[in-house]
N, C-alpha and C. Protein backbone atom coordinates (compact mmCIF):
# COMPACT_ATOMS: atom_id res chain seq x y z
N MET A 1 -140.52 -48.03 -16.83
CA MET A 1 -139.88 -48.29 -15.56
C MET A 1 -138.44 -47.78 -15.64
N THR A 2 -138.00 -47.15 -14.57
CA THR A 2 -136.62 -46.66 -14.56
C THR A 2 -135.66 -47.81 -14.25
N ARG A 3 -134.41 -47.63 -14.62
CA ARG A 3 -133.41 -48.68 -14.39
C ARG A 3 -133.26 -49.01 -12.90
N PRO A 4 -133.18 -48.02 -11.99
CA PRO A 4 -133.07 -48.37 -10.56
C PRO A 4 -134.27 -49.17 -10.04
N VAL A 5 -135.45 -48.83 -10.50
CA VAL A 5 -136.65 -49.57 -10.08
C VAL A 5 -136.61 -50.99 -10.64
N ALA A 6 -136.18 -51.13 -11.90
CA ALA A 6 -136.07 -52.46 -12.51
C ALA A 6 -135.05 -53.31 -11.77
N ILE A 7 -133.93 -52.71 -11.39
CA ILE A 7 -132.89 -53.45 -10.65
C ILE A 7 -133.42 -53.87 -9.28
N ALA A 8 -134.05 -52.94 -8.56
CA ALA A 8 -134.58 -53.26 -7.23
C ALA A 8 -135.66 -54.35 -7.32
N GLY A 9 -136.55 -54.21 -8.29
CA GLY A 9 -137.61 -55.22 -8.46
C GLY A 9 -137.05 -56.58 -8.82
N SER A 10 -136.03 -56.59 -9.66
CA SER A 10 -135.40 -57.86 -10.05
C SER A 10 -134.70 -58.51 -8.87
N ILE A 11 -134.05 -57.72 -8.04
CA ILE A 11 -133.38 -58.27 -6.87
C ILE A 11 -134.40 -58.88 -5.92
N LEU A 12 -135.49 -58.17 -5.67
CA LEU A 12 -136.54 -58.71 -4.79
C LEU A 12 -137.13 -60.00 -5.35
N PHE A 13 -137.44 -59.99 -6.64
CA PHE A 13 -138.00 -61.19 -7.26
C PHE A 13 -136.99 -62.34 -7.19
N PHE A 14 -135.71 -62.04 -7.42
CA PHE A 14 -134.65 -63.04 -7.36
C PHE A 14 -134.62 -63.70 -5.97
N LEU A 15 -134.67 -62.88 -4.94
CA LEU A 15 -134.59 -63.41 -3.57
C LEU A 15 -135.80 -64.28 -3.24
N PHE A 16 -136.98 -63.84 -3.64
CA PHE A 16 -138.19 -64.56 -3.24
C PHE A 16 -138.52 -65.76 -4.12
N VAL A 17 -138.35 -65.65 -5.43
CA VAL A 17 -138.80 -66.75 -6.29
C VAL A 17 -137.68 -67.78 -6.50
N PRO A 18 -136.61 -67.48 -7.23
CA PRO A 18 -135.55 -68.49 -7.33
C PRO A 18 -134.96 -68.82 -5.95
N GLY A 19 -134.89 -67.81 -5.07
CA GLY A 19 -134.37 -68.06 -3.73
C GLY A 19 -135.17 -69.13 -3.00
N THR A 20 -136.47 -69.13 -3.21
CA THR A 20 -137.33 -70.14 -2.59
C THR A 20 -137.22 -71.48 -3.30
N PHE A 21 -137.38 -71.46 -4.63
CA PHE A 21 -137.44 -72.72 -5.38
C PHE A 21 -136.08 -73.41 -5.55
N ALA A 22 -135.00 -72.64 -5.62
CA ALA A 22 -133.67 -73.24 -5.82
C ALA A 22 -132.82 -73.19 -4.55
N GLY A 23 -133.29 -72.53 -3.52
CA GLY A 23 -132.53 -72.43 -2.28
C GLY A 23 -133.27 -73.00 -1.09
N LEU A 24 -134.34 -72.35 -0.70
CA LEU A 24 -135.06 -72.72 0.52
C LEU A 24 -135.66 -74.13 0.46
N ILE A 25 -136.37 -74.44 -0.61
CA ILE A 25 -137.01 -75.77 -0.71
C ILE A 25 -135.96 -76.88 -0.80
N PRO A 26 -134.90 -76.75 -1.61
CA PRO A 26 -133.86 -77.78 -1.56
C PRO A 26 -133.23 -77.93 -0.17
N TRP A 27 -133.10 -76.82 0.55
CA TRP A 27 -132.58 -76.90 1.90
C TRP A 27 -133.54 -77.68 2.80
N TRP A 28 -134.87 -77.40 2.68
CA TRP A 28 -135.85 -78.15 3.47
C TRP A 28 -135.76 -79.64 3.18
N ILE A 29 -135.55 -79.97 1.90
CA ILE A 29 -135.50 -81.38 1.51
C ILE A 29 -134.23 -82.07 2.01
N THR A 30 -133.08 -81.40 1.91
CA THR A 30 -131.79 -82.05 2.21
C THR A 30 -131.11 -81.55 3.47
N ARG A 31 -131.53 -80.40 3.96
CA ARG A 31 -130.82 -79.69 5.03
C ARG A 31 -129.36 -79.45 4.63
N TRP A 32 -129.12 -79.54 3.31
CA TRP A 32 -127.79 -79.37 2.73
C TRP A 32 -126.76 -80.23 3.46
N ASP A 33 -127.20 -81.45 3.73
CA ASP A 33 -126.33 -82.43 4.40
C ASP A 33 -125.92 -83.48 3.37
N ALA A 34 -124.65 -83.56 3.11
CA ALA A 34 -124.15 -84.52 2.13
C ALA A 34 -124.28 -85.93 2.67
N ALA A 35 -125.20 -86.69 2.09
CA ALA A 35 -125.41 -88.08 2.51
C ALA A 35 -124.35 -88.99 1.92
N SER A 36 -123.57 -88.46 1.01
CA SER A 36 -122.57 -89.26 0.32
C SER A 36 -121.22 -88.58 0.43
N SER A 37 -120.20 -89.38 0.36
CA SER A 37 -118.85 -88.80 0.33
C SER A 37 -118.26 -88.98 -1.07
N ASN A 38 -119.13 -89.08 -2.05
CA ASN A 38 -118.70 -89.25 -3.43
C ASN A 38 -118.20 -87.90 -3.95
N VAL A 39 -116.91 -87.70 -3.84
CA VAL A 39 -116.32 -86.41 -4.18
C VAL A 39 -116.57 -86.01 -5.64
N PRO A 40 -116.41 -86.92 -6.62
CA PRO A 40 -116.68 -86.50 -8.00
C PRO A 40 -118.12 -85.99 -8.19
N LEU A 41 -119.10 -86.67 -7.59
CA LEU A 41 -120.49 -86.19 -7.71
C LEU A 41 -120.66 -84.83 -7.04
N MET A 42 -120.00 -84.65 -5.92
CA MET A 42 -120.09 -83.37 -5.22
C MET A 42 -119.47 -82.25 -6.06
N VAL A 43 -118.36 -82.55 -6.70
CA VAL A 43 -117.69 -81.55 -7.53
C VAL A 43 -118.55 -81.20 -8.74
N VAL A 44 -119.07 -82.23 -9.44
CA VAL A 44 -119.93 -81.98 -10.60
C VAL A 44 -121.17 -81.20 -10.17
N GLY A 45 -121.76 -81.60 -9.06
CA GLY A 45 -122.92 -80.88 -8.55
C GLY A 45 -122.60 -79.44 -8.23
N GLY A 46 -121.46 -79.21 -7.59
CA GLY A 46 -121.05 -77.85 -7.28
C GLY A 46 -120.83 -77.01 -8.52
N LEU A 47 -120.26 -77.62 -9.56
CA LEU A 47 -120.07 -76.90 -10.82
C LEU A 47 -121.41 -76.55 -11.47
N LEU A 48 -122.38 -77.47 -11.41
CA LEU A 48 -123.71 -77.19 -11.95
C LEU A 48 -124.38 -76.05 -11.19
N VAL A 49 -124.25 -76.08 -9.86
CA VAL A 49 -124.83 -75.00 -9.04
C VAL A 49 -124.17 -73.67 -9.40
N ALA A 50 -122.86 -73.65 -9.50
CA ALA A 50 -122.14 -72.41 -9.84
C ALA A 50 -122.54 -71.90 -11.22
N ALA A 51 -122.59 -72.79 -12.20
CA ALA A 51 -122.99 -72.39 -13.56
C ALA A 51 -124.42 -71.87 -13.57
N GLY A 52 -125.29 -72.57 -12.87
CA GLY A 52 -126.69 -72.14 -12.80
C GLY A 52 -126.84 -70.79 -12.14
N LEU A 53 -126.12 -70.58 -11.06
CA LEU A 53 -126.20 -69.29 -10.35
C LEU A 53 -125.67 -68.16 -11.22
N PHE A 54 -124.56 -68.40 -11.91
CA PHE A 54 -124.02 -67.39 -12.83
C PHE A 54 -125.04 -67.06 -13.91
N ALA A 55 -125.62 -68.08 -14.54
CA ALA A 55 -126.60 -67.87 -15.61
C ALA A 55 -127.83 -67.15 -15.10
N LEU A 56 -128.26 -67.49 -13.90
CA LEU A 56 -129.46 -66.87 -13.33
C LEU A 56 -129.22 -65.38 -13.06
N ILE A 57 -128.10 -65.07 -12.46
CA ILE A 57 -127.79 -63.66 -12.18
C ILE A 57 -127.63 -62.87 -13.48
N ALA A 58 -126.94 -63.46 -14.45
CA ALA A 58 -126.75 -62.78 -15.73
C ALA A 58 -128.08 -62.53 -16.43
N SER A 59 -128.98 -63.49 -16.36
CA SER A 59 -130.29 -63.35 -17.02
C SER A 59 -131.16 -62.32 -16.32
N PHE A 60 -131.13 -62.32 -15.00
CA PHE A 60 -131.87 -61.29 -14.26
C PHE A 60 -131.34 -59.91 -14.60
N ALA A 61 -130.03 -59.78 -14.68
CA ALA A 61 -129.42 -58.49 -15.01
C ALA A 61 -129.88 -58.01 -16.38
N ARG A 62 -129.99 -58.92 -17.35
CA ARG A 62 -130.45 -58.54 -18.69
C ARG A 62 -131.85 -57.96 -18.64
N PHE A 63 -132.73 -58.56 -17.85
CA PHE A 63 -134.09 -58.04 -17.75
C PHE A 63 -134.10 -56.63 -17.20
N ALA A 64 -133.31 -56.39 -16.16
CA ALA A 64 -133.30 -55.07 -15.54
C ALA A 64 -132.56 -54.04 -16.38
N LEU A 65 -131.39 -54.41 -16.91
CA LEU A 65 -130.56 -53.44 -17.60
C LEU A 65 -130.94 -53.23 -19.06
N ASP A 66 -131.26 -54.31 -19.77
CA ASP A 66 -131.59 -54.20 -21.20
C ASP A 66 -133.10 -54.01 -21.42
N GLY A 67 -133.91 -54.69 -20.61
CA GLY A 67 -135.35 -54.66 -20.82
C GLY A 67 -136.09 -53.67 -19.96
N LEU A 68 -135.39 -53.06 -18.99
CA LEU A 68 -136.00 -52.13 -18.05
C LEU A 68 -137.27 -52.71 -17.42
N GLY A 69 -137.12 -53.93 -16.92
CA GLY A 69 -138.23 -54.59 -16.25
C GLY A 69 -137.69 -55.70 -15.36
N THR A 70 -138.59 -56.54 -14.92
CA THR A 70 -138.21 -57.64 -14.03
C THR A 70 -138.73 -58.95 -14.63
N PRO A 71 -138.28 -60.08 -14.11
CA PRO A 71 -138.84 -61.36 -14.53
C PRO A 71 -140.26 -61.61 -13.99
N ALA A 72 -140.69 -60.79 -13.05
CA ALA A 72 -142.03 -60.95 -12.47
C ALA A 72 -143.09 -60.62 -13.52
N PRO A 73 -144.09 -61.47 -13.69
CA PRO A 73 -145.14 -61.19 -14.69
C PRO A 73 -145.87 -59.86 -14.46
N ILE A 74 -145.86 -59.35 -13.23
CA ILE A 74 -146.55 -58.08 -12.97
C ILE A 74 -145.71 -56.86 -13.35
N ALA A 75 -144.42 -57.06 -13.63
CA ALA A 75 -143.54 -55.94 -14.01
C ALA A 75 -142.56 -56.40 -15.08
N PRO A 76 -143.08 -56.81 -16.25
CA PRO A 76 -142.20 -57.37 -17.29
C PRO A 76 -141.34 -56.29 -17.96
N PRO A 77 -140.33 -56.73 -18.69
CA PRO A 77 -139.50 -55.77 -19.43
C PRO A 77 -140.33 -55.03 -20.48
N SER A 78 -139.87 -53.84 -20.80
CA SER A 78 -140.59 -53.05 -21.80
C SER A 78 -140.25 -53.47 -23.22
N THR A 79 -139.14 -54.20 -23.38
CA THR A 79 -138.75 -54.71 -24.70
C THR A 79 -138.44 -56.20 -24.58
N LEU A 80 -138.50 -56.88 -25.70
CA LEU A 80 -138.15 -58.29 -25.74
C LEU A 80 -136.64 -58.42 -25.52
N VAL A 81 -136.25 -59.17 -24.51
CA VAL A 81 -134.84 -59.34 -24.18
C VAL A 81 -134.30 -60.52 -24.98
N VAL A 82 -133.37 -60.22 -25.90
CA VAL A 82 -132.76 -61.25 -26.75
C VAL A 82 -131.24 -61.08 -26.78
N THR A 83 -130.70 -60.63 -25.65
CA THR A 83 -129.26 -60.43 -25.52
C THR A 83 -128.70 -61.41 -24.49
N GLY A 84 -127.40 -61.45 -24.36
CA GLY A 84 -126.78 -62.32 -23.36
C GLY A 84 -127.11 -63.78 -23.63
N LEU A 85 -127.44 -64.51 -22.58
CA LEU A 85 -127.76 -65.93 -22.72
C LEU A 85 -129.03 -66.18 -23.52
N TYR A 86 -129.87 -65.16 -23.64
CA TYR A 86 -131.09 -65.29 -24.45
C TYR A 86 -130.78 -65.46 -25.92
N ARG A 87 -129.55 -65.23 -26.33
CA ARG A 87 -129.15 -65.47 -27.72
C ARG A 87 -128.91 -66.96 -27.96
N TYR A 88 -128.79 -67.73 -26.88
CA TYR A 88 -128.50 -69.16 -26.99
C TYR A 88 -129.71 -70.05 -26.66
N VAL A 89 -130.51 -69.60 -25.71
CA VAL A 89 -131.65 -70.40 -25.26
C VAL A 89 -132.76 -69.45 -24.80
N ARG A 90 -134.01 -69.80 -25.10
CA ARG A 90 -135.12 -68.90 -24.79
C ARG A 90 -135.40 -68.77 -23.30
N ASN A 91 -135.07 -69.78 -22.52
CA ASN A 91 -135.43 -69.78 -21.11
C ASN A 91 -134.22 -69.98 -20.19
N PRO A 92 -133.24 -69.09 -20.27
CA PRO A 92 -132.05 -69.33 -19.45
C PRO A 92 -132.31 -69.31 -17.94
N MET A 93 -133.32 -68.58 -17.50
CA MET A 93 -133.61 -68.57 -16.06
C MET A 93 -134.13 -69.93 -15.60
N TYR A 94 -135.02 -70.51 -16.38
CA TYR A 94 -135.56 -71.83 -16.01
C TYR A 94 -134.48 -72.90 -16.11
N VAL A 95 -133.65 -72.79 -17.13
CA VAL A 95 -132.53 -73.73 -17.27
C VAL A 95 -131.60 -73.58 -16.06
N ALA A 96 -131.33 -72.34 -15.68
CA ALA A 96 -130.42 -72.08 -14.56
C ALA A 96 -130.97 -72.63 -13.25
N VAL A 97 -132.23 -72.38 -12.97
CA VAL A 97 -132.82 -72.89 -11.73
C VAL A 97 -132.80 -74.42 -11.73
N SER A 98 -133.10 -75.02 -12.87
CA SER A 98 -133.05 -76.48 -12.97
C SER A 98 -131.63 -77.00 -12.72
N LEU A 99 -130.62 -76.33 -13.28
CA LEU A 99 -129.22 -76.71 -13.04
C LEU A 99 -128.87 -76.62 -11.56
N ILE A 100 -129.30 -75.55 -10.92
CA ILE A 100 -129.00 -75.37 -9.50
C ILE A 100 -129.61 -76.50 -8.68
N ILE A 101 -130.86 -76.85 -8.96
CA ILE A 101 -131.52 -77.91 -8.19
C ILE A 101 -130.88 -79.26 -8.48
N PHE A 102 -130.66 -79.58 -9.76
CA PHE A 102 -130.02 -80.86 -10.10
C PHE A 102 -128.59 -80.92 -9.52
N GLY A 103 -127.89 -79.81 -9.54
CA GLY A 103 -126.55 -79.78 -8.95
C GLY A 103 -126.58 -80.09 -7.47
N GLN A 104 -127.54 -79.51 -6.77
CA GLN A 104 -127.68 -79.80 -5.35
C GLN A 104 -128.05 -81.26 -5.12
N ALA A 105 -128.88 -81.82 -5.99
CA ALA A 105 -129.25 -83.23 -5.88
C ALA A 105 -128.01 -84.11 -5.95
N LEU A 106 -127.07 -83.76 -6.85
CA LEU A 106 -125.82 -84.51 -6.94
C LEU A 106 -124.94 -84.27 -5.72
N MET A 107 -124.81 -83.01 -5.33
CA MET A 107 -123.96 -82.68 -4.20
C MET A 107 -124.39 -83.41 -2.92
N PHE A 108 -125.70 -83.50 -2.73
CA PHE A 108 -126.22 -84.07 -1.49
C PHE A 108 -126.76 -85.48 -1.67
N ALA A 109 -126.52 -86.07 -2.85
CA ALA A 109 -126.95 -87.45 -3.15
C ALA A 109 -128.40 -87.66 -2.72
N SER A 110 -129.28 -86.81 -3.24
CA SER A 110 -130.67 -86.81 -2.81
C SER A 110 -131.63 -87.19 -3.93
N ALA A 111 -132.21 -88.39 -3.81
CA ALA A 111 -133.22 -88.82 -4.76
C ALA A 111 -134.46 -87.93 -4.66
N ALA A 112 -134.79 -87.50 -3.45
CA ALA A 112 -135.94 -86.62 -3.26
C ALA A 112 -135.74 -85.30 -4.00
N LEU A 113 -134.52 -84.81 -4.00
CA LEU A 113 -134.23 -83.56 -4.70
C LEU A 113 -134.26 -83.74 -6.22
N ILE A 114 -133.89 -84.91 -6.69
CA ILE A 114 -134.02 -85.20 -8.13
C ILE A 114 -135.50 -85.21 -8.51
N ALA A 115 -136.32 -85.84 -7.69
CA ALA A 115 -137.77 -85.86 -7.96
C ALA A 115 -138.33 -84.44 -7.94
N TYR A 116 -137.91 -83.64 -6.98
CA TYR A 116 -138.34 -82.24 -6.90
C TYR A 116 -137.91 -81.48 -8.16
N ALA A 117 -136.69 -81.71 -8.61
CA ALA A 117 -136.19 -81.03 -9.82
C ALA A 117 -137.05 -81.38 -11.03
N VAL A 118 -137.44 -82.62 -11.16
CA VAL A 118 -138.29 -83.04 -12.28
C VAL A 118 -139.65 -82.35 -12.19
N VAL A 119 -140.22 -82.30 -10.99
CA VAL A 119 -141.52 -81.63 -10.81
C VAL A 119 -141.40 -80.15 -11.16
N ILE A 120 -140.33 -79.50 -10.72
CA ILE A 120 -140.12 -78.08 -11.03
C ILE A 120 -139.98 -77.88 -12.53
N TRP A 121 -139.20 -78.74 -13.19
CA TRP A 121 -139.03 -78.61 -14.64
C TRP A 121 -140.38 -78.77 -15.34
N LEU A 122 -141.19 -79.73 -14.93
CA LEU A 122 -142.51 -79.92 -15.53
C LEU A 122 -143.40 -78.70 -15.29
N ALA A 123 -143.31 -78.12 -14.10
CA ALA A 123 -144.07 -76.90 -13.81
C ALA A 123 -143.60 -75.75 -14.70
N PHE A 124 -142.29 -75.62 -14.89
CA PHE A 124 -141.77 -74.60 -15.79
C PHE A 124 -142.33 -74.79 -17.20
N GLN A 125 -142.27 -76.03 -17.67
CA GLN A 125 -142.75 -76.33 -19.02
C GLN A 125 -144.23 -75.96 -19.16
N ALA A 126 -145.04 -76.33 -18.18
CA ALA A 126 -146.47 -76.01 -18.22
C ALA A 126 -146.69 -74.50 -18.22
N PHE A 127 -145.95 -73.77 -17.38
CA PHE A 127 -146.09 -72.31 -17.31
C PHE A 127 -145.68 -71.66 -18.63
N ILE A 128 -144.59 -72.13 -19.20
CA ILE A 128 -144.11 -71.59 -20.47
C ILE A 128 -145.15 -71.79 -21.57
N LEU A 129 -145.70 -73.00 -21.66
CA LEU A 129 -146.63 -73.32 -22.74
C LEU A 129 -148.00 -72.66 -22.56
N THR A 130 -148.46 -72.54 -21.32
CA THR A 130 -149.82 -72.02 -21.11
C THR A 130 -149.89 -70.52 -20.87
N TYR A 131 -148.82 -69.92 -20.36
CA TYR A 131 -148.87 -68.49 -20.08
C TYR A 131 -147.78 -67.68 -20.79
N GLU A 132 -146.54 -68.06 -20.55
CA GLU A 132 -145.44 -67.20 -21.00
C GLU A 132 -145.35 -67.04 -22.51
N GLU A 133 -145.29 -68.14 -23.23
CA GLU A 133 -145.15 -68.02 -24.69
C GLU A 133 -146.38 -67.38 -25.34
N PRO A 134 -147.61 -67.74 -24.95
CA PRO A 134 -148.76 -67.03 -25.54
C PRO A 134 -148.74 -65.53 -25.24
N THR A 135 -148.32 -65.15 -24.03
CA THR A 135 -148.26 -63.74 -23.67
C THR A 135 -147.19 -63.02 -24.50
N LEU A 136 -146.03 -63.64 -24.65
CA LEU A 136 -144.96 -63.02 -25.45
C LEU A 136 -145.35 -62.93 -26.93
N ARG A 137 -146.04 -63.95 -27.43
CA ARG A 137 -146.50 -63.90 -28.83
C ARG A 137 -147.49 -62.74 -29.02
N ALA A 138 -148.40 -62.59 -28.07
CA ALA A 138 -149.39 -61.51 -28.16
C ALA A 138 -148.72 -60.14 -28.01
N THR A 139 -147.72 -60.04 -27.19
CA THR A 139 -147.06 -58.76 -26.93
C THR A 139 -146.09 -58.36 -28.04
N TYR A 140 -145.27 -59.31 -28.51
CA TYR A 140 -144.19 -58.99 -29.44
C TYR A 140 -144.40 -59.51 -30.85
N GLY A 141 -145.46 -60.26 -31.09
CA GLY A 141 -145.83 -60.69 -32.43
C GLY A 141 -144.76 -61.38 -33.23
N ASP A 142 -144.53 -60.88 -34.45
CA ASP A 142 -143.61 -61.50 -35.39
C ASP A 142 -142.17 -61.55 -34.86
N ARG A 143 -141.80 -60.55 -34.08
CA ARG A 143 -140.42 -60.54 -33.54
C ARG A 143 -140.22 -61.75 -32.62
N TYR A 144 -141.20 -62.03 -31.77
CA TYR A 144 -141.07 -63.19 -30.89
C TYR A 144 -141.18 -64.50 -31.68
N ALA A 145 -142.04 -64.53 -32.67
CA ALA A 145 -142.17 -65.73 -33.50
C ALA A 145 -140.84 -66.06 -34.19
N ALA A 146 -140.17 -65.05 -34.73
CA ALA A 146 -138.86 -65.27 -35.37
C ALA A 146 -137.83 -65.74 -34.35
N TYR A 147 -137.89 -65.18 -33.17
CA TYR A 147 -136.98 -65.58 -32.09
C TYR A 147 -137.21 -67.06 -31.74
N CYS A 148 -138.46 -67.47 -31.63
CA CYS A 148 -138.78 -68.86 -31.30
C CYS A 148 -138.27 -69.84 -32.35
N VAL A 149 -138.35 -69.44 -33.60
CA VAL A 149 -137.86 -70.30 -34.68
C VAL A 149 -136.34 -70.46 -34.58
N ALA A 150 -135.65 -69.40 -34.20
CA ALA A 150 -134.19 -69.39 -34.22
C ALA A 150 -133.54 -69.90 -32.93
N VAL A 151 -134.22 -69.73 -31.80
CA VAL A 151 -133.60 -70.04 -30.50
C VAL A 151 -134.42 -71.10 -29.79
N PRO A 152 -133.78 -72.23 -29.41
CA PRO A 152 -134.51 -73.32 -28.76
C PRO A 152 -134.98 -72.97 -27.35
N ARG A 153 -136.02 -73.66 -26.92
CA ARG A 153 -136.61 -73.42 -25.60
C ARG A 153 -135.70 -73.91 -24.47
N TRP A 154 -135.09 -75.09 -24.60
CA TRP A 154 -134.37 -75.70 -23.48
C TRP A 154 -132.89 -76.01 -23.75
N ILE A 155 -132.57 -76.49 -24.92
CA ILE A 155 -131.20 -76.89 -25.23
C ILE A 155 -130.51 -75.73 -25.96
N PRO A 156 -129.47 -75.17 -25.36
CA PRO A 156 -128.84 -73.99 -25.95
C PRO A 156 -128.24 -74.25 -27.35
N ARG A 157 -128.29 -73.21 -28.17
CA ARG A 157 -127.60 -73.21 -29.46
C ARG A 157 -126.11 -73.21 -29.21
N LEU A 158 -125.35 -73.66 -30.19
CA LEU A 158 -123.90 -73.61 -30.06
C LEU A 158 -123.35 -72.23 -30.41
N ARG A 159 -124.04 -71.56 -31.32
CA ARG A 159 -123.62 -70.21 -31.72
C ARG A 159 -124.71 -69.22 -31.34
N PRO A 160 -124.33 -68.03 -30.93
CA PRO A 160 -125.35 -67.05 -30.54
C PRO A 160 -126.21 -66.61 -31.72
N TRP A 161 -127.50 -66.43 -31.44
CA TRP A 161 -128.42 -65.91 -32.44
C TRP A 161 -128.29 -64.41 -32.47
N SER A 162 -128.45 -63.86 -33.64
CA SER A 162 -128.42 -62.43 -33.77
C SER A 162 -129.62 -61.98 -34.59
N PRO A 163 -130.43 -61.12 -33.98
CA PRO A 163 -131.67 -60.68 -34.68
C PRO A 163 -131.41 -59.87 -35.93
């Protein structure tokens, strides 16, 4: 896949998948109406959303620029991406989407959005265990196995891993 095609595919996937799960559905649930005037919670939530959005964009960029592919299972990167945030945590995109949703739950004081975030995280975990990790193990073999030993699935390392 060429770099321009990988970038275009990643942008489309970004808009439709995280855009739906971390944007559209939270909006349907909350209408982005702050039910609380708890400024500290709104600030913390806003910081989580900002951090999550930064991490998500950075991770998508790594797939397109370093891996020459997209996060979409139908157009994966041609190489195992272990740069950027992937040096700290194996699933920075899922962590980022979870941060964005939890941040919005705080910003809008929404118990329904917290429940949605938990369901999304459980769905991510199921997808990772049943499809993603077995596929990556089959595709990249020992290289992915070594990466899994060194880099945690959900809680980031304090120091970057270097292959």
